PDB file of N, CA and C in Angstrom:
ATOM      1  N   MET A   1      29.566  79.511 -54.853  1.00  0.00           N
ATOM      2  CA  MET A   1      28.196  79.217 -54.461  1.00  0.00           C
ATOM      3  C   MET A   1      28.066  79.478 -52.952  1.00  0.00           C
ATOM      4  N   ALA A   2      27.333  80.511 -52.605  1.00  0.00           N
ATOM      5  CA  ALA A   2      27.171  80.895 -51.200  1.00  0.00           C
ATOM      6  C   ALA A   2      25.956  80.198 -50.596  1.00  0.00           C
ATOM      7  N   THR A   3      26.007  80.048 -49.295  1.00  0.00           N
ATOM      8  CA  THR A   3      24.889  79.409 -48.589  1.00  0.00           C
ATOM      9  C   THR A   3      23.934  80.476 -48.082  1.00  0.00           C
ATOM     10  N   ASN A   4      22.655  80.166 -48.144  1.00  0.00           N
ATOM     11  CA  ASN A   4      21.641  81.062 -47.607  1.00  0.00           C
ATOM     12  C   ASN A   4      21.519  80.757 -46.109  1.00  0.00           C
ATOM     13  N   LYS A   5      22.076  81.632 -45.294  1.00  0.00           N
ATOM     14  CA  LYS A   5      22.151  81.372 -43.860  1.00  0.00           C
ATOM     15  C   LYS A   5      20.787  81.436 -43.181  1.00  0.00           C
ATOM     16  N   GLN A   6      19.869  82.200 -43.732  1.00  0.00           N
ATOM     17  CA  GLN A   6      18.522  82.279 -43.151  1.00  0.00           C
ATOM     18  C   GLN A   6      17.786  80.954 -43.323  1.00  0.00           C
ATOM     19  N   LEU A   7      17.873  80.358 -44.513  1.00  0.00           N
ATOM     20  CA  LEU A   7      17.236  79.061 -44.730  1.00  0.00           C
ATOM     21  C   LEU A   7      17.924  77.972 -43.925  1.00  0.00           C
ATOM     22  N   LEU A   8      19.247  78.073 -43.811  1.00  0.00           N
ATOM     23  CA  LEU A   8      19.984  77.093 -43.028  1.00  0.00           C
ATOM     24  C   LEU A   8      19.559  77.147 -41.561  1.00  0.00           C
ATOM     25  N   GLY A   9      19.401  78.344 -41.018  1.00  0.00           N
ATOM     26  CA  GLY A   9      18.944  78.501 -39.635  1.00  0.00           C
ATOM     27  C   GLY A   9      17.522  78.002 -39.431  1.00  0.00           C
ATOM     28  N   LYS A  10      16.667  78.256 -40.420  1.00  0.00           N
ATOM     29  CA  LYS A  10      15.287  77.783 -40.333  1.00  0.00           C
ATOM     30  C   LYS A  10      15.231  76.261 -40.342  1.00  0.00           C
ATOM     31  N   GLY A  11      16.052  75.623 -41.172  1.00  0.00           N
ATOM     32  CA  GLY A  11      16.091  74.163 -41.213  1.00  0.00           C
ATOM     33  C   GLY A  11      16.614  73.572 -39.918  1.00  0.00           C
ATOM     34  N   ILE A  12      17.600  74.217 -39.329  1.00  0.00           N
ATOM     35  CA  ILE A  12      18.135  73.735 -38.051  1.00  0.00           C
ATOM     36  C   ILE A  12      17.091  73.886 -36.945  1.00  0.00           C
ATOM     37  N   LYS A  13      16.272  74.919 -37.006  1.00  0.00           N
ATOM     38  CA  LYS A  13      15.191  75.074 -36.025  1.00  0.00           C
ATOM     39  C   LYS A  13      14.175  73.941 -36.140  1.00  0.00           C
ATOM     40  N   TYR A  14      13.877  73.536 -37.371  1.00  0.00           N
ATOM     41  CA  TYR A  14      12.973  72.399 -37.567  1.00  0.00           C
ATOM     42  C   TYR A  14      13.573  71.122 -36.978  1.00  0.00           C
ATOM     43  N   LEU A  15      14.860  70.900 -37.223  1.00  0.00           N
ATOM     44  CA  LEU A  15      15.510  69.707 -36.693  1.00  0.00           C
ATOM     45  C   LEU A  15      15.598  69.750 -35.167  1.00  0.00           C
ATOM     46  N   THR A  16      15.794  70.945 -34.617  1.00  0.00           N
ATOM     47  CA  THR A  16      15.824  71.091 -33.166  1.00  0.00           C
ATOM     48  C   THR A  16      14.454  70.807 -32.552  1.00  0.00           C
ATOM     49  N   GLY A  17      13.398  71.174 -33.250  1.00  0.00           N
ATOM     50  CA  GLY A  17      12.049  70.869 -32.772  1.00  0.00           C
ATOM     51  C   GLY A  17      11.724  69.392 -32.862  1.00  0.00           C
ATOM     52  N   ALA A  18      12.336  68.700 -33.817  1.00  0.00           N
ATOM     53  CA  ALA A  18      12.070  67.271 -33.984  1.00  0.00           C
ATOM     54  C   ALA A  18      12.826  66.422 -32.970  1.00  0.00           C
ATOM     55  N   LEU A  19      13.918  66.934 -32.430  1.00  0.00           N
ATOM     56  CA  LEU A  19      14.749  66.141 -31.524  1.00  0.00           C
ATOM     57  C   LEU A  19      14.011  65.656 -30.278  1.00  0.00           C
ATOM     58  N   PRO A  20      13.278  66.503 -29.547  1.00  0.00           N
ATOM     59  CA  PRO A  20      12.559  65.975 -28.374  1.00  0.00           C
ATOM     60  C   PRO A  20      11.465  64.983 -28.754  1.00  0.00           C
ATOM     61  N   LEU A  21      10.832  65.216 -29.904  1.00  0.00           N
ATOM     62  CA  LEU A  21       9.765  64.312 -30.330  1.00  0.00           C
ATOM     63  C   LEU A  21      10.305  62.935 -30.692  1.00  0.00           C
ATOM     64  N   MET A  22      11.560  62.881 -31.150  1.00  0.00           N
ATOM     65  CA  MET A  22      12.170  61.601 -31.493  1.00  0.00           C
ATOM     66  C   MET A  22      12.306  60.712 -30.259  1.00  0.00           C
ATOM     67  N   PHE A  23      12.516  61.294 -29.113  1.00  0.00           N
ATOM     68  CA  PHE A  23      12.661  60.519 -27.888  1.00  0.00           C
ATOM     69  C   PHE A  23      11.338  60.361 -27.142  1.00  0.00           C
ATOM     70  N   MET A  24      10.494  61.376 -27.216  1.00  0.00           N
ATOM     71  CA  MET A  24       9.238  61.343 -26.479  1.00  0.00           C
ATOM     72  C   MET A  24       8.238  60.361 -27.091  1.00  0.00           C
ATOM     73  N   GLY A  25       8.180  60.274 -28.420  1.00  0.00           N
ATOM     74  CA  GLY A  25       7.215  59.412 -29.092  1.00  0.00           C
ATOM     75  C   GLY A  25       7.375  57.935 -28.747  1.00  0.00           C
ATOM     76  N   PRO A  26       8.557  57.350 -28.956  1.00  0.00           N
ATOM     77  CA  PRO A  26       8.724  55.937 -28.592  1.00  0.00           C
ATOM     78  C   PRO A  26       8.561  55.670 -27.098  1.00  0.00           C
ATOM     79  N   SER A  27       8.932  56.636 -26.258  1.00  0.00           N
ATOM     80  CA  SER A  27       8.749  56.465 -24.815  1.00  0.00           C
ATOM     81  C   SER A  27       7.266  56.402 -24.459  1.00  0.00           C
ATOM     82  N   LEU A  28       6.472  57.248 -25.096  1.00  0.00           N
ATOM     83  CA  LEU A  28       5.037  57.222 -24.840  1.00  0.00           C
ATOM     84  C   LEU A  28       4.392  55.942 -25.359  1.00  0.00           C
ATOM     85  N   ILE A  29       4.846  55.464 -26.511  1.00  0.00           N
ATOM     86  CA  ILE A  29       4.301  54.216 -27.048  1.00  0.00           C
ATOM     87  C   ILE A  29       4.653  53.050 -26.135  1.00  0.00           C
ATOM     88  N   TYR A  30       5.896  53.008 -25.657  1.00  0.00           N
ATOM     89  CA  TYR A  30       6.308  51.957 -24.733  1.00  0.00           C
ATOM     90  C   TYR A  30       5.498  52.018 -23.442  1.00  0.00           C
ATOM     91  N   ASN A  31       5.296  53.222 -22.919  1.00  0.00           N
ATOM     92  CA  ASN A  31       4.522  53.399 -21.701  1.00  0.00           C
ATOM     93  C   ASN A  31       3.074  52.947 -21.895  1.00  0.00           C
ATOM     94  N   ALA A  32       2.512  53.221 -23.066  1.00  0.00           N
ATOM     95  CA  ALA A  32       1.128  52.822 -23.330  1.00  0.00           C
ATOM     96  C   ALA A  32       1.000  51.303 -23.361  1.00  0.00           C
ATOM     97  N   PHE A  33       1.969  50.615 -23.942  1.00  0.00           N
ATOM     98  CA  PHE A  33       1.899  49.159 -23.998  1.00  0.00           C
ATOM     99  C   PHE A  33       2.185  48.505 -22.650  1.00  0.00           C
ATOM    100  N   GLN A  34       2.918  49.177 -21.786  1.00  0.00           N
ATOM    101  CA  GLN A  34       3.168  48.637 -20.456  1.00  0.00           C
ATOM    102  C   GLN A  34       1.960  48.795 -19.535  1.00  0.00           C
ATOM    103  N   ASN A  35       1.120  49.774 -19.786  1.00  0.00           N
ATOM    104  CA  ASN A  35      -0.046  50.055 -18.941  1.00  0.00           C
ATOM    105  C   ASN A  35      -1.340  49.795 -19.699  1.00  0.00           C
ATOM    106  N   GLN A  36      -1.501  48.618 -20.247  1.00  0.00           N
ATOM    107  CA  GLN A  36      -2.697  48.332 -21.033  1.00  0.00           C
ATOM    108  C   GLN A  36      -3.954  48.209 -20.176  1.00  0.00           C
ATOM    109  N   GLY A  37      -3.812  47.979 -18.903  1.00  0.00           N
ATOM    110  CA  GLY A  37      -4.976  47.868 -18.035  1.00  0.00           C
ATOM    111  C   GLY A  37      -5.585  49.215 -17.688  1.00  0.00           C
ATOM    112  N   ASN A  38      -4.893  50.278 -17.961  1.00  0.00           N
ATOM    113  CA  ASN A  38      -5.351  51.617 -17.635  1.00  0.00           C
ATOM    114  C   ASN A  38      -6.347  52.105 -18.697  1.00  0.00           C
ATOM    115  N   ASN A  39      -7.259  52.980 -18.287  1.00  0.00           N
ATOM    116  CA  ASN A  39      -8.245  53.525 -19.221  1.00  0.00           C
ATOM    117  C   ASN A  39      -7.633  54.509 -20.219  1.00  0.00           C
ATOM    118  N   TRP A  40      -6.482  55.070 -19.885  1.00  0.00           N
ATOM    119  CA  TRP A  40      -5.841  56.081 -20.714  1.00  0.00           C
ATOM    120  C   TRP A  40      -4.901  55.469 -21.751  1.00  0.00           C
ATOM    121  N   HIS A  41      -4.923  54.155 -21.879  1.00  0.00           N
ATOM    122  CA  HIS A  41      -3.998  53.442 -22.769  1.00  0.00           C
ATOM    123  C   HIS A  41      -4.066  53.958 -24.201  1.00  0.00           C
ATOM    124  N   TYR A  42      -5.254  54.065 -24.760  1.00  0.00           N
ATOM    125  CA  TYR A  42      -5.392  54.458 -26.156  1.00  0.00           C
ATOM    126  C   TYR A  42      -5.040  55.925 -26.381  1.00  0.00           C
ATOM    127  N   LEU A  43      -5.317  56.773 -25.411  1.00  0.00           N
ATOM    128  CA  LEU A  43      -4.972  58.185 -25.543  1.00  0.00           C
ATOM    129  C   LEU A  43      -3.455  58.370 -25.570  1.00  0.00           C
ATOM    130  N   VAL A  44      -2.759  57.704 -24.650  1.00  0.00           N
ATOM    131  CA  VAL A  44      -1.296  57.814 -24.597  1.00  0.00           C
ATOM    132  C   VAL A  44      -0.672  57.207 -25.848  1.00  0.00           C
ATOM    133  N   LEU A  45      -1.236  56.098 -26.321  1.00  0.00           N
ATOM    134  CA  LEU A  45      -0.737  55.473 -27.544  1.00  0.00           C
ATOM    135  C   LEU A  45      -0.923  56.404 -28.742  1.00  0.00           C
ATOM    136  N   GLY A  46      -2.068  57.036 -28.832  1.00  0.00           N
ATOM    137  CA  GLY A  46      -2.319  57.978 -29.925  1.00  0.00           C
ATOM    138  C   GLY A  46      -1.387  59.170 -29.889  1.00  0.00           C
ATOM    139  N   ILE A  47      -1.146  59.703 -28.700  1.00  0.00           N
ATOM    140  CA  ILE A  47      -0.226  60.835 -28.565  1.00  0.00           C
ATOM    141  C   ILE A  47       1.182  60.414 -28.958  1.00  0.00           C
ATOM    142  N   GLY A  48       1.588  59.212 -28.587  1.00  0.00           N
ATOM    143  CA  GLY A  48       2.912  58.718 -28.960  1.00  0.00           C
ATOM    144  C   GLY A  48       3.056  58.543 -30.460  1.00  0.00           C
ATOM    145  N   ILE A  49       2.028  58.017 -31.104  1.00  0.00           N
ATOM    146  CA  ILE A  49       2.077  57.836 -32.554  1.00  0.00           C
ATOM    147  C   ILE A  49       2.112  59.186 -33.262  1.00  0.00           C
ATOM    148  N   VAL A  50       1.322  60.136 -32.792  1.00  0.00           N
ATOM    149  CA  VAL A  50       1.327  61.481 -33.385  1.00  0.00           C
ATOM    150  C   VAL A  50       2.690  62.144 -33.190  1.00  0.00           C
ATOM    151  N   ALA A  51       3.318  61.939 -32.030  1.00  0.00           N
ATOM    152  CA  ALA A  51       4.640  62.512 -31.787  1.00  0.00           C
ATOM    153  C   ALA A  51       5.680  61.916 -32.733  1.00  0.00           C
ATOM    154  N   CYS A  52       5.609  60.610 -32.976  1.00  0.00           N
ATOM    155  CA  CYS A  52       6.552  59.972 -33.904  1.00  0.00           C
ATOM    156  C   CYS A  52       6.347  60.466 -35.330  1.00  0.00           C
ATOM    157  N   ILE A  53       5.113  60.562 -35.764  1.00  0.00           N
ATOM    158  CA  ILE A  53       4.837  61.011 -37.125  1.00  0.00           C
ATOM    159  C   ILE A  53       5.236  62.474 -37.307  1.00  0.00           C
ATOM    160  N   SER A  54       4.943  63.308 -36.316  1.00  0.00           N
ATOM    161  CA  SER A  54       5.316  64.717 -36.435  1.00  0.00           C
ATOM    162  C   SER A  54       6.834  64.889 -36.402  1.00  0.00           C
ATOM    163  N   SER A  55       7.526  64.033 -35.678  1.00  0.00           N
ATOM    164  CA  SER A  55       8.986  64.076 -35.686  1.00  0.00           C
ATOM    165  C   SER A  55       9.531  63.752 -37.068  1.00  0.00           C
ATOM    166  N   MET A  56       8.985  62.736 -37.715  1.00  0.00           N
ATOM    167  CA  MET A  56       9.433  62.383 -39.063  1.00  0.00           C
ATOM    168  C   MET A  56       9.146  63.506 -40.054  1.00  0.00           C
ATOM    169  N   VAL A  57       7.985  64.142 -39.927  1.00  0.00           N
ATOM    170  CA  VAL A  57       7.630  65.244 -40.826  1.00  0.00           C
ATOM    171  C   VAL A  57       8.569  66.433 -40.615  1.00  0.00           C
ATOM    172  N   LEU A  58       8.849  66.764 -39.352  1.00  0.00           N
ATOM    173  CA  LEU A  58       9.742  67.889 -39.081  1.00  0.00           C
ATOM    174  C   LEU A  58      11.156  67.610 -39.574  1.00  0.00           C
ATOM    175  N   ILE A  59      11.625  66.371 -39.443  1.00  0.00           N
ATOM    176  CA  ILE A  59      12.950  66.028 -39.952  1.00  0.00           C
ATOM    177  C   ILE A  59      12.984  66.172 -41.471  1.00  0.00           C
ATOM    178  N   PHE A  60      11.964  65.664 -42.148  1.00  0.00           N
ATOM    179  CA  PHE A  60      11.906  65.777 -43.604  1.00  0.00           C
ATOM    180  C   PHE A  60      11.898  67.235 -44.039  1.00  0.00           C
ATOM    181  N   LEU A  61      11.053  68.051 -43.411  1.00  0.00           N
ATOM    182  CA  LEU A  61      10.976  69.462 -43.786  1.00  0.00           C
ATOM    183  C   LEU A  61      12.278  70.198 -43.474  1.00  0.00           C
ATOM    184  N   GLY A  62      12.881  69.880 -42.330  1.00  0.00           N
ATOM    185  CA  GLY A  62      14.136  70.527 -41.963  1.00  0.00           C
ATOM    186  C   GLY A  62      15.250  70.210 -42.936  1.00  0.00           C
ATOM    187  N   LEU A  63      15.372  68.938 -43.316  1.00  0.00           N
ATOM    188  CA  LEU A  63      16.408  68.572 -44.274  1.00  0.00           C
ATOM    189  C   LEU A  63      16.134  69.167 -45.658  1.00  0.00           C
ATOM    190  N   LYS A  64      14.866  69.238 -46.017  1.00  0.00           N
ATOM    191  CA  LYS A  64      14.495  69.835 -47.307  1.00  0.00           C
ATOM    192  C   LYS A  64      14.866  71.312 -47.342  1.00  0.00           C
ATOM    193  N   ILE A  65      14.606  72.026 -46.246  1.00  0.00           N
ATOM    194  CA  ILE A  65      14.930  73.448 -46.170  1.00  0.00           C
ATOM    195  C   ILE A  65      16.449  73.659 -46.153  1.00  0.00           C
ATOM    196  N   ILE A  66      17.170  72.803 -45.449  1.00  0.00           N
ATOM    197  CA  ILE A  66      18.625  72.918 -45.411  1.00  0.00           C
ATOM    198  C   ILE A  66      19.217  72.677 -46.798  1.00  0.00           C
ATOM    199  N   MET A  67      18.729  71.674 -47.493  1.00  0.00           N
ATOM    200  CA  MET A  67      19.229  71.405 -48.841  1.00  0.00           C
ATOM    201  C   MET A  67      18.919  72.563 -49.793  1.00  0.00           C
ATOM    202  N   ARG A  68      17.743  73.165 -49.632  1.00  0.00           N
ATOM    203  CA  ARG A  68      17.397  74.321 -50.465  1.00  0.00           C
ATOM    204  C   ARG A  68      18.324  75.500 -50.144  1.00  0.00           C
ATOM    205  N   GLY A  69      18.658  75.666 -48.866  1.00  0.00           N
ATOM    206  CA  GLY A  69      19.542  76.758 -48.481  1.00  0.00           C
ATOM    207  C   GLY A  69      20.956  76.549 -48.956  1.00  0.00           C
ATOM    208  N   ILE A  70      21.400  75.323 -49.055  1.00  0.00           N
ATOM    209  CA  ILE A  70      22.767  75.054 -49.487  1.00  0.00           C
ATOM    210  C   ILE A  70      22.890  75.095 -51.011  1.00  0.00           C
ATOM    211  N   PHE A  71      21.974  74.469 -51.730  1.00  0.00           N
ATOM    212  CA  PHE A  71      22.160  74.245 -53.152  1.00  0.00           C
ATOM    213  C   PHE A  71      21.373  75.146 -54.085  1.00  0.00           C
ATOM    214  N   ASN A  72      20.333  75.822 -53.641  1.00  0.00           N
ATOM    215  CA  ASN A  72      19.480  76.572 -54.572  1.00  0.00           C
ATOM    216  C   ASN A  72      19.731  78.074 -54.569  1.00  0.00           C
ATOM    217  N   ASP A  73      20.945  78.490 -54.401  1.00  0.00           N
ATOM    218  CA  ASP A  73      21.209  79.939 -54.460  1.00  0.00           C
ATOM    219  C   ASP A  73      21.575  80.347 -55.838  1.00  0.00           C
TER     220      ASP A  73
END
């Protein structure tokens, strides 16, 4: 059973894209809660939540693509 290296590379690219979002999202959420007196509080909080959700989606898609590349040949 051979591995599909193109799908494996594509899945790793998805995981690589999710890595910065995994750290940036919680940092932005923490920053938003520390600066609640600022007018930009809700915007920064929204961006942080979107970054966390997109990180989870990219991780799911990346792992799904990697599993397809390993097992579905």
